[in-house]
């Protein structure tokens, strides 16, 4: 049985941490790039909107990867669900922030979709490599334990 209170605390902590981390990095990037683009994007309204958008992204991440709302999915389906939901959310943010000023061309959407797919594949590859290593470690530990039990019983 899943401890709902524990999962709620994890959800809220991940949302808080994700919002703080993403907002900080986005503000750092904006401060570093604003002299290059010669734009003055930092205003109270923009920072407020940025915090709300990053909080939404953090809520999506926390909702998908904690077991508060989705209890039985493994990592790969969770990652797939996250990438689908977050990609749509990210598009809404890009339109809201004016990054996507128009509906975009096929090439622009192709670059966006390709970027999302490449990041998704990288995540899946890393997960599969780490899973294999973990599987080997568990199998070795189990064999050692079984050998130890045999030696004790003899």
N, C-alpha and C. Protein backbone atom coordinates (compact mmCIF):
# COMPACT_ATOMS: atom_id res chain seq x y z
N UNK A 1 0.84 -1.18 0.00
CA UNK A 1 0.00 0.00 0.00
C UNK A 1 0.88 1.25 0.00
N UNK A 2 0.54 2.19 -0.81
CA UNK A 2 1.33 3.42 -0.94
C UNK A 2 0.90 4.40 0.15
N UNK A 3 1.87 5.01 0.78
CA UNK A 3 1.62 6.02 1.79
C UNK A 3 1.32 7.34 1.08
N UNK A 4 0.05 7.72 1.05
CA UNK A 4 -0.37 8.91 0.31
C UNK A 4 0.22 10.18 0.90
N UNK A 5 0.32 10.26 2.22
CA UNK A 5 0.89 11.45 2.87
C UNK A 5 2.35 11.63 2.46
N UNK A 6 3.09 10.53 2.43
CA UNK A 6 4.50 10.57 2.02
C UNK A 6 4.63 11.01 0.57
N UNK A 7 3.75 10.48 -0.29
CA UNK A 7 3.78 10.86 -1.71
C UNK A 7 3.36 12.32 -1.91
N UNK A 8 2.42 12.80 -1.11
CA UNK A 8 2.01 14.21 -1.19
C UNK A 8 3.17 15.12 -0.79
N UNK A 9 3.88 14.76 0.25
CA UNK A 9 5.04 15.55 0.68
C UNK A 9 6.11 15.54 -0.41
N UNK A 10 6.34 14.38 -1.02
CA UNK A 10 7.32 14.29 -2.11
C UNK A 10 6.88 15.14 -3.29
N UNK A 11 5.58 15.08 -3.64
CA UNK A 11 5.04 15.87 -4.73
C UNK A 11 5.25 17.36 -4.48
N UNK A 12 4.90 17.82 -3.29
CA UNK A 12 5.05 19.25 -2.97
C UNK A 12 6.52 19.67 -2.94
N UNK A 13 7.38 18.82 -2.40
CA UNK A 13 8.81 19.15 -2.35
C UNK A 13 9.40 19.21 -3.76
N UNK A 14 9.07 18.24 -4.61
CA UNK A 14 9.58 18.25 -5.98
C UNK A 14 9.06 19.46 -6.75
N UNK A 15 7.80 19.83 -6.51
CA UNK A 15 7.24 21.01 -7.18
C UNK A 15 7.98 22.27 -6.73
N UNK A 16 8.20 22.41 -5.43
CA UNK A 16 8.92 23.56 -4.90
C UNK A 16 10.34 23.62 -5.45
N UNK A 17 11.05 22.50 -5.37
CA UNK A 17 12.43 22.46 -5.83
C UNK A 17 12.54 22.69 -7.33
N UNK A 18 11.65 22.08 -8.09
CA UNK A 18 11.67 22.25 -9.54
C UNK A 18 11.37 23.68 -9.95
N UNK A 19 10.41 24.29 -9.28
CA UNK A 19 10.09 25.69 -9.58
C UNK A 19 11.27 26.60 -9.27
N UNK A 20 11.88 26.41 -8.12
CA UNK A 20 13.03 27.24 -7.74
C UNK A 20 14.20 27.03 -8.69
N UNK A 21 14.51 25.79 -9.00
CA UNK A 21 15.65 25.48 -9.86
C UNK A 21 15.44 26.03 -11.27
N UNK A 22 14.29 25.74 -11.87
CA UNK A 22 14.04 26.18 -13.24
C UNK A 22 13.92 27.69 -13.36
N UNK A 23 13.25 28.32 -12.40
CA UNK A 23 13.14 29.78 -12.44
C UNK A 23 14.51 30.43 -12.33
N UNK A 24 15.33 29.92 -11.43
CA UNK A 24 16.67 30.47 -11.26
C UNK A 24 17.48 30.36 -12.53
N UNK A 25 17.49 29.17 -13.14
CA UNK A 25 18.27 28.99 -14.36
C UNK A 25 17.73 29.81 -15.52
N UNK A 26 16.43 29.90 -15.65
CA UNK A 26 15.87 30.72 -16.73
C UNK A 26 16.22 32.20 -16.54
N UNK A 27 16.17 32.67 -15.29
CA UNK A 27 16.54 34.07 -15.03
C UNK A 27 18.02 34.31 -15.31
N UNK A 28 18.86 33.36 -14.94
CA UNK A 28 20.29 33.49 -15.24
C UNK A 28 20.51 33.55 -16.76
N UNK A 29 19.85 32.66 -17.48
CA UNK A 29 19.99 32.67 -18.94
C UNK A 29 19.48 33.97 -19.55
N UNK A 30 18.38 34.50 -19.04
CA UNK A 30 17.83 35.75 -19.56
C UNK A 30 18.79 36.91 -19.28
N UNK A 31 19.34 36.94 -18.07
CA UNK A 31 20.28 38.01 -17.72
C UNK A 31 21.53 37.93 -18.60
N UNK A 32 22.00 36.71 -18.87
CA UNK A 32 23.20 36.55 -19.70
C UNK A 32 22.94 36.87 -21.17
N UNK A 33 21.75 36.55 -21.67
CA UNK A 33 21.49 36.75 -23.09
C UNK A 33 20.83 38.08 -23.42
N UNK A 34 20.30 38.79 -22.45
CA UNK A 34 19.62 40.05 -22.76
C UNK A 34 20.55 41.11 -23.35
N UNK A 35 21.83 41.21 -22.94
CA UNK A 35 22.69 42.18 -23.64
C UNK A 35 22.94 41.80 -25.10
N UNK A 36 22.97 40.50 -25.38
CA UNK A 36 23.19 40.06 -26.76
C UNK A 36 22.00 40.37 -27.66
N UNK A 37 20.80 40.17 -27.12
CA UNK A 37 19.60 40.42 -27.91
C UNK A 37 19.12 41.85 -27.79
N UNK A 38 19.76 42.63 -26.96
CA UNK A 38 19.44 44.04 -26.73
C UNK A 38 17.96 44.22 -26.40
N UNK A 39 17.47 43.36 -25.52
CA UNK A 39 16.08 43.49 -25.09
C UNK A 39 16.04 43.54 -23.57
N UNK A 40 15.10 44.27 -23.08
CA UNK A 40 14.92 44.40 -21.64
C UNK A 40 13.68 43.59 -21.25
N UNK A 41 13.88 42.28 -21.04
CA UNK A 41 12.75 41.39 -20.77
C UNK A 41 12.37 41.35 -19.30
N UNK A 42 13.26 41.75 -18.42
CA UNK A 42 13.00 41.59 -17.00
C UNK A 42 12.08 42.69 -16.48
N UNK A 43 10.87 42.29 -16.17
CA UNK A 43 9.90 43.17 -15.53
C UNK A 43 9.18 42.34 -14.48
N UNK A 44 8.48 43.01 -13.59
CA UNK A 44 7.75 42.27 -12.56
C UNK A 44 6.72 41.32 -13.18
N UNK A 45 6.04 41.81 -14.19
CA UNK A 45 5.02 40.98 -14.84
C UNK A 45 5.66 39.76 -15.51
N UNK A 46 6.79 39.97 -16.19
CA UNK A 46 7.46 38.86 -16.86
C UNK A 46 7.97 37.83 -15.85
N UNK A 47 8.58 38.31 -14.75
CA UNK A 47 9.08 37.38 -13.73
C UNK A 47 7.93 36.61 -13.10
N UNK A 48 6.81 37.28 -12.83
CA UNK A 48 5.64 36.59 -12.29
C UNK A 48 5.12 35.53 -13.23
N UNK A 49 5.03 35.88 -14.52
CA UNK A 49 4.58 34.91 -15.52
C UNK A 49 5.56 33.75 -15.63
N UNK A 50 6.86 34.05 -15.58
CA UNK A 50 7.88 33.01 -15.65
C UNK A 50 7.77 32.04 -14.48
N UNK A 51 7.55 32.57 -13.30
CA UNK A 51 7.40 31.71 -12.12
C UNK A 51 6.17 30.82 -12.26
N UNK A 52 5.06 31.37 -12.73
CA UNK A 52 3.85 30.55 -12.91
C UNK A 52 4.05 29.46 -13.95
N UNK A 53 4.70 29.80 -15.07
CA UNK A 53 4.94 28.79 -16.11
C UNK A 53 5.89 27.71 -15.61
N UNK A 54 6.96 28.08 -14.90
CA UNK A 54 7.88 27.05 -14.41
C UNK A 54 7.22 26.21 -13.32
N UNK A 55 6.35 26.82 -12.53
CA UNK A 55 5.62 26.04 -11.52
C UNK A 55 4.72 25.02 -12.20
N UNK A 56 4.09 25.41 -13.30
CA UNK A 56 3.26 24.46 -14.05
C UNK A 56 4.07 23.29 -14.57
N UNK A 57 5.27 23.58 -15.10
CA UNK A 57 6.14 22.51 -15.57
C UNK A 57 6.58 21.60 -14.43
N UNK A 58 6.88 22.19 -13.28
CA UNK A 58 7.28 21.40 -12.12
C UNK A 58 6.12 20.53 -11.62
N UNK A 59 4.91 21.07 -11.68
CA UNK A 59 3.74 20.29 -11.28
C UNK A 59 3.53 19.10 -12.23
N UNK A 60 3.71 19.34 -13.53
CA UNK A 60 3.59 18.23 -14.49
C UNK A 60 4.62 17.16 -14.17
N UNK A 61 5.88 17.57 -13.96
CA UNK A 61 6.94 16.61 -13.65
C UNK A 61 6.60 15.83 -12.38
N UNK A 62 6.23 16.55 -11.32
CA UNK A 62 5.94 15.91 -10.04
C UNK A 62 4.74 14.98 -10.13
N UNK A 63 3.71 15.40 -10.87
CA UNK A 63 2.51 14.57 -10.99
C UNK A 63 2.81 13.27 -11.74
N UNK A 64 3.69 13.35 -12.73
CA UNK A 64 3.98 12.15 -13.53
C UNK A 64 4.96 11.22 -12.81
N UNK A 65 5.97 11.78 -12.14
CA UNK A 65 7.02 10.93 -11.59
C UNK A 65 6.86 10.55 -10.12
N UNK A 66 5.92 11.16 -9.40
CA UNK A 66 5.62 10.63 -8.07
C UNK A 66 4.49 9.62 -8.21
N UNK A 67 4.22 8.90 -7.15
CA UNK A 67 3.17 7.89 -7.21
C UNK A 67 1.87 8.39 -6.58
N UNK A 68 1.74 9.72 -6.47
CA UNK A 68 0.54 10.30 -5.87
C UNK A 68 -0.67 10.13 -6.78
N UNK A 69 -0.51 10.40 -8.07
CA UNK A 69 -1.62 10.33 -9.02
C UNK A 69 -1.57 9.07 -9.89
N UNK A 70 -0.37 8.69 -10.29
CA UNK A 70 -0.19 7.53 -11.16
C UNK A 70 0.61 6.50 -10.36
N UNK A 71 -0.03 5.43 -9.98
CA UNK A 71 0.60 4.52 -9.03
C UNK A 71 1.36 3.36 -9.66
N UNK A 72 0.95 2.86 -10.81
CA UNK A 72 1.48 1.58 -11.27
C UNK A 72 2.36 1.63 -12.51
N UNK A 73 2.65 2.79 -13.04
CA UNK A 73 3.48 2.85 -14.24
C UNK A 73 4.96 2.74 -13.89
N UNK A 74 5.71 2.11 -14.77
CA UNK A 74 7.15 2.06 -14.62
C UNK A 74 7.77 3.31 -15.25
N UNK A 75 9.09 3.37 -15.25
CA UNK A 75 9.77 4.59 -15.67
C UNK A 75 9.49 4.96 -17.13
N UNK A 76 9.61 4.02 -18.05
CA UNK A 76 9.48 4.35 -19.47
C UNK A 76 8.09 4.91 -19.82
N UNK A 77 6.99 4.31 -19.38
CA UNK A 77 5.69 4.93 -19.66
C UNK A 77 5.54 6.30 -18.99
N UNK A 78 6.11 6.47 -17.80
CA UNK A 78 6.06 7.77 -17.14
C UNK A 78 6.82 8.82 -17.95
N UNK A 79 7.99 8.43 -18.44
CA UNK A 79 8.79 9.36 -19.25
C UNK A 79 8.04 9.72 -20.53
N UNK A 80 7.42 8.74 -21.16
CA UNK A 80 6.66 8.99 -22.38
C UNK A 80 5.51 9.95 -22.11
N UNK A 81 4.77 9.70 -21.05
CA UNK A 81 3.66 10.57 -20.67
C UNK A 81 4.16 11.98 -20.38
N UNK A 82 5.26 12.08 -19.65
CA UNK A 82 5.82 13.39 -19.33
C UNK A 82 6.23 14.15 -20.59
N UNK A 83 6.91 13.47 -21.50
CA UNK A 83 7.36 14.14 -22.72
C UNK A 83 6.18 14.62 -23.55
N UNK A 84 5.12 13.84 -23.63
CA UNK A 84 3.94 14.26 -24.39
C UNK A 84 3.26 15.47 -23.76
N UNK A 85 3.00 15.40 -22.47
CA UNK A 85 2.31 16.51 -21.79
C UNK A 85 3.20 17.74 -21.76
N UNK A 86 4.47 17.57 -21.42
CA UNK A 86 5.35 18.72 -21.28
C UNK A 86 5.63 19.39 -22.62
N UNK A 87 5.68 18.62 -23.70
CA UNK A 87 5.89 19.22 -25.02
C UNK A 87 4.74 20.15 -25.39
N UNK A 88 3.52 19.72 -25.12
CA UNK A 88 2.37 20.58 -25.39
C UNK A 88 2.39 21.81 -24.48
N UNK A 89 2.74 21.62 -23.22
CA UNK A 89 2.82 22.73 -22.27
C UNK A 89 3.91 23.71 -22.70
N UNK A 90 5.02 23.18 -23.15
CA UNK A 90 6.13 24.00 -23.60
C UNK A 90 5.73 24.82 -24.83
N UNK A 91 5.00 24.24 -25.74
CA UNK A 91 4.51 24.99 -26.91
C UNK A 91 3.61 26.14 -26.47
N UNK A 92 2.73 25.88 -25.53
CA UNK A 92 1.85 26.94 -25.01
C UNK A 92 2.69 28.07 -24.40
N UNK A 93 3.74 27.69 -23.66
CA UNK A 93 4.63 28.71 -23.08
C UNK A 93 5.33 29.50 -24.17
N UNK A 94 5.84 28.81 -25.19
CA UNK A 94 6.55 29.50 -26.27
C UNK A 94 5.65 30.51 -26.98
N UNK A 95 4.38 30.13 -27.21
CA UNK A 95 3.45 31.07 -27.82
C UNK A 95 3.15 32.23 -26.87
N UNK A 96 2.96 31.92 -25.60
CA UNK A 96 2.65 32.95 -24.62
C UNK A 96 3.79 33.95 -24.46
N UNK A 97 5.02 33.46 -24.47
CA UNK A 97 6.19 34.31 -24.28
C UNK A 97 6.61 35.03 -25.56
N UNK A 98 5.98 34.68 -26.67
CA UNK A 98 6.31 35.32 -27.93
C UNK A 98 7.49 34.70 -28.66
N UNK A 99 7.97 33.58 -28.16
CA UNK A 99 9.07 32.88 -28.82
C UNK A 99 8.59 32.30 -30.15
N UNK A 100 7.39 31.72 -30.13
CA UNK A 100 6.73 31.31 -31.37
C UNK A 100 5.75 32.42 -31.72
N UNK A 101 6.16 33.33 -32.59
CA UNK A 101 5.32 34.46 -32.92
C UNK A 101 4.19 34.10 -33.87
N UNK A 102 4.45 33.16 -34.74
CA UNK A 102 3.44 32.74 -35.71
C UNK A 102 3.21 31.25 -35.54
N UNK A 103 2.39 30.69 -36.42
CA UNK A 103 2.12 29.26 -36.28
C UNK A 103 3.33 28.40 -36.62
N UNK A 104 4.34 28.99 -37.25
CA UNK A 104 5.57 28.27 -37.52
C UNK A 104 5.54 27.50 -38.82
N UNK A 105 6.70 27.26 -39.34
CA UNK A 105 6.82 26.51 -40.58
C UNK A 105 7.03 25.03 -40.26
N UNK A 106 6.97 24.22 -41.28
CA UNK A 106 7.20 22.79 -41.11
C UNK A 106 8.62 22.54 -40.60
N UNK A 107 9.57 23.32 -41.09
CA UNK A 107 10.96 23.18 -40.65
C UNK A 107 11.14 23.50 -39.18
N UNK A 108 10.49 24.58 -38.71
CA UNK A 108 10.59 24.96 -37.30
C UNK A 108 9.97 23.88 -36.41
N UNK A 109 8.80 23.39 -36.80
CA UNK A 109 8.17 22.33 -36.02
C UNK A 109 8.98 21.04 -36.10
N UNK A 110 9.60 20.80 -37.23
CA UNK A 110 10.45 19.62 -37.37
C UNK A 110 11.63 19.66 -36.41
N UNK A 111 12.25 20.84 -36.31
CA UNK A 111 13.37 21.00 -35.38
C UNK A 111 12.91 20.79 -33.95
N UNK A 112 11.75 21.35 -33.61
CA UNK A 112 11.21 21.19 -32.26
C UNK A 112 10.93 19.73 -31.94
N UNK A 113 10.21 19.05 -32.85
CA UNK A 113 9.88 17.64 -32.62
C UNK A 113 11.13 16.78 -32.58
N UNK A 114 12.07 17.05 -33.47
CA UNK A 114 13.32 16.29 -33.49
C UNK A 114 14.10 16.47 -32.18
N UNK A 115 14.13 17.68 -31.67
CA UNK A 115 14.82 17.94 -30.39
C UNK A 115 14.17 17.15 -29.26
N UNK A 116 12.84 17.17 -29.21
CA UNK A 116 12.13 16.42 -28.16
C UNK A 116 12.40 14.92 -28.30
N UNK A 117 12.35 14.41 -29.51
CA UNK A 117 12.60 12.97 -29.72
C UNK A 117 14.03 12.57 -29.38
N UNK A 118 15.00 13.41 -29.73
CA UNK A 118 16.39 13.10 -29.40
C UNK A 118 16.58 13.08 -27.89
N UNK A 119 16.01 14.06 -27.19
CA UNK A 119 16.13 14.07 -25.72
C UNK A 119 15.43 12.85 -25.11
N UNK A 120 14.28 12.48 -25.66
CA UNK A 120 13.57 11.30 -25.19
C UNK A 120 14.42 10.04 -25.38
N UNK A 121 15.00 9.89 -26.56
CA UNK A 121 15.83 8.71 -26.82
C UNK A 121 17.06 8.67 -25.92
N UNK A 122 17.66 9.81 -25.67
CA UNK A 122 18.81 9.86 -24.76
C UNK A 122 18.40 9.39 -23.38
N UNK A 123 17.25 9.85 -22.90
CA UNK A 123 16.75 9.41 -21.58
C UNK A 123 16.52 7.90 -21.55
N UNK A 124 15.92 7.35 -22.60
CA UNK A 124 15.65 5.92 -22.66
C UNK A 124 16.95 5.13 -22.69
N UNK A 125 17.92 5.58 -23.46
CA UNK A 125 19.22 4.89 -23.54
C UNK A 125 19.91 4.89 -22.19
N UNK A 126 19.95 6.05 -21.53
CA UNK A 126 20.58 6.13 -20.20
C UNK A 126 19.87 5.21 -19.22
N UNK A 127 18.55 5.20 -19.26
CA UNK A 127 17.78 4.34 -18.36
C UNK A 127 18.08 2.86 -18.61
N UNK A 128 18.12 2.47 -19.87
CA UNK A 128 18.39 1.06 -20.20
C UNK A 128 19.80 0.65 -19.77
N UNK A 129 20.78 1.51 -19.98
CA UNK A 129 22.15 1.19 -19.56
C UNK A 129 22.22 1.05 -18.05
N UNK A 130 21.62 1.99 -17.32
CA UNK A 130 21.67 1.91 -15.85
C UNK A 130 20.87 0.72 -15.34
N UNK A 131 19.77 0.38 -16.01
CA UNK A 131 18.98 -0.78 -15.60
C UNK A 131 19.76 -2.08 -15.76
N UNK A 132 20.49 -2.19 -16.88
CA UNK A 132 21.30 -3.40 -17.09
C UNK A 132 22.37 -3.53 -16.00
N UNK A 133 23.04 -2.42 -15.69
CA UNK A 133 24.07 -2.45 -14.65
C UNK A 133 23.46 -2.84 -13.31
N UNK A 134 22.31 -2.28 -13.01
CA UNK A 134 21.65 -2.59 -11.75
C UNK A 134 21.21 -4.05 -11.72
N UNK A 135 20.73 -4.55 -12.83
CA UNK A 135 20.32 -5.94 -12.92
C UNK A 135 21.50 -6.87 -12.67
N UNK A 136 22.65 -6.56 -13.25
CA UNK A 136 23.86 -7.37 -13.06
C UNK A 136 24.28 -7.33 -11.59
N UNK A 137 24.24 -6.15 -10.98
CA UNK A 137 24.61 -6.03 -9.56
C UNK A 137 23.68 -6.86 -8.68
N UNK A 138 22.37 -6.78 -8.94
CA UNK A 138 21.41 -7.55 -8.15
C UNK A 138 21.60 -9.05 -8.35
N UNK A 139 21.85 -9.47 -9.58
CA UNK A 139 22.06 -10.89 -9.86
C UNK A 139 23.32 -11.39 -9.14
N UNK A 140 24.39 -10.60 -9.17
CA UNK A 140 25.62 -10.98 -8.47
C UNK A 140 25.40 -11.07 -6.97
N UNK A 141 24.67 -10.10 -6.42
CA UNK A 141 24.39 -10.12 -4.98
C UNK A 141 23.54 -11.33 -4.61
N UNK A 142 22.57 -11.66 -5.45
CA UNK A 142 21.73 -12.83 -5.19
C UNK A 142 22.54 -14.12 -5.25
N UNK A 143 23.42 -14.23 -6.23
CA UNK A 143 24.27 -15.43 -6.32
C UNK A 143 25.18 -15.55 -5.10
N UNK A 144 25.75 -14.46 -4.65
CA UNK A 144 26.60 -14.48 -3.46
C UNK A 144 25.81 -14.90 -2.23
N UNK A 145 24.58 -14.36 -2.12
CA UNK A 145 23.73 -14.71 -0.99
C UNK A 145 23.37 -16.20 -1.03
N UNK A 146 23.00 -16.70 -2.21
CA UNK A 146 22.65 -18.11 -2.33
C UNK A 146 23.85 -19.00 -2.00
N UNK A 147 25.03 -18.61 -2.45
CA UNK A 147 26.24 -19.38 -2.16
C UNK A 147 26.53 -19.38 -0.66
N UNK A 148 26.34 -18.23 -0.03
CA UNK A 148 26.57 -18.11 1.41
C UNK A 148 25.60 -19.02 2.17
N UNK A 149 24.32 -19.02 1.74
CA UNK A 149 23.31 -19.87 2.40
C UNK A 149 23.64 -21.37 2.23
N UNK A 150 24.13 -21.74 1.03
CA UNK A 150 24.51 -23.13 0.79
C UNK A 150 25.65 -23.53 1.71
N UNK A 151 26.64 -22.64 1.82
CA UNK A 151 27.81 -22.94 2.67
C UNK A 151 27.38 -23.06 4.14
N UNK A 152 26.43 -22.25 4.59
CA UNK A 152 25.96 -22.32 5.97
C UNK A 152 25.19 -23.61 6.22
N UNK A 153 24.47 -24.10 5.22
CA UNK A 153 23.64 -25.29 5.38
C UNK A 153 24.46 -26.58 5.29
N UNK A 154 25.66 -26.50 4.76
CA UNK A 154 26.46 -27.72 4.60
C UNK A 154 27.20 -28.08 5.84
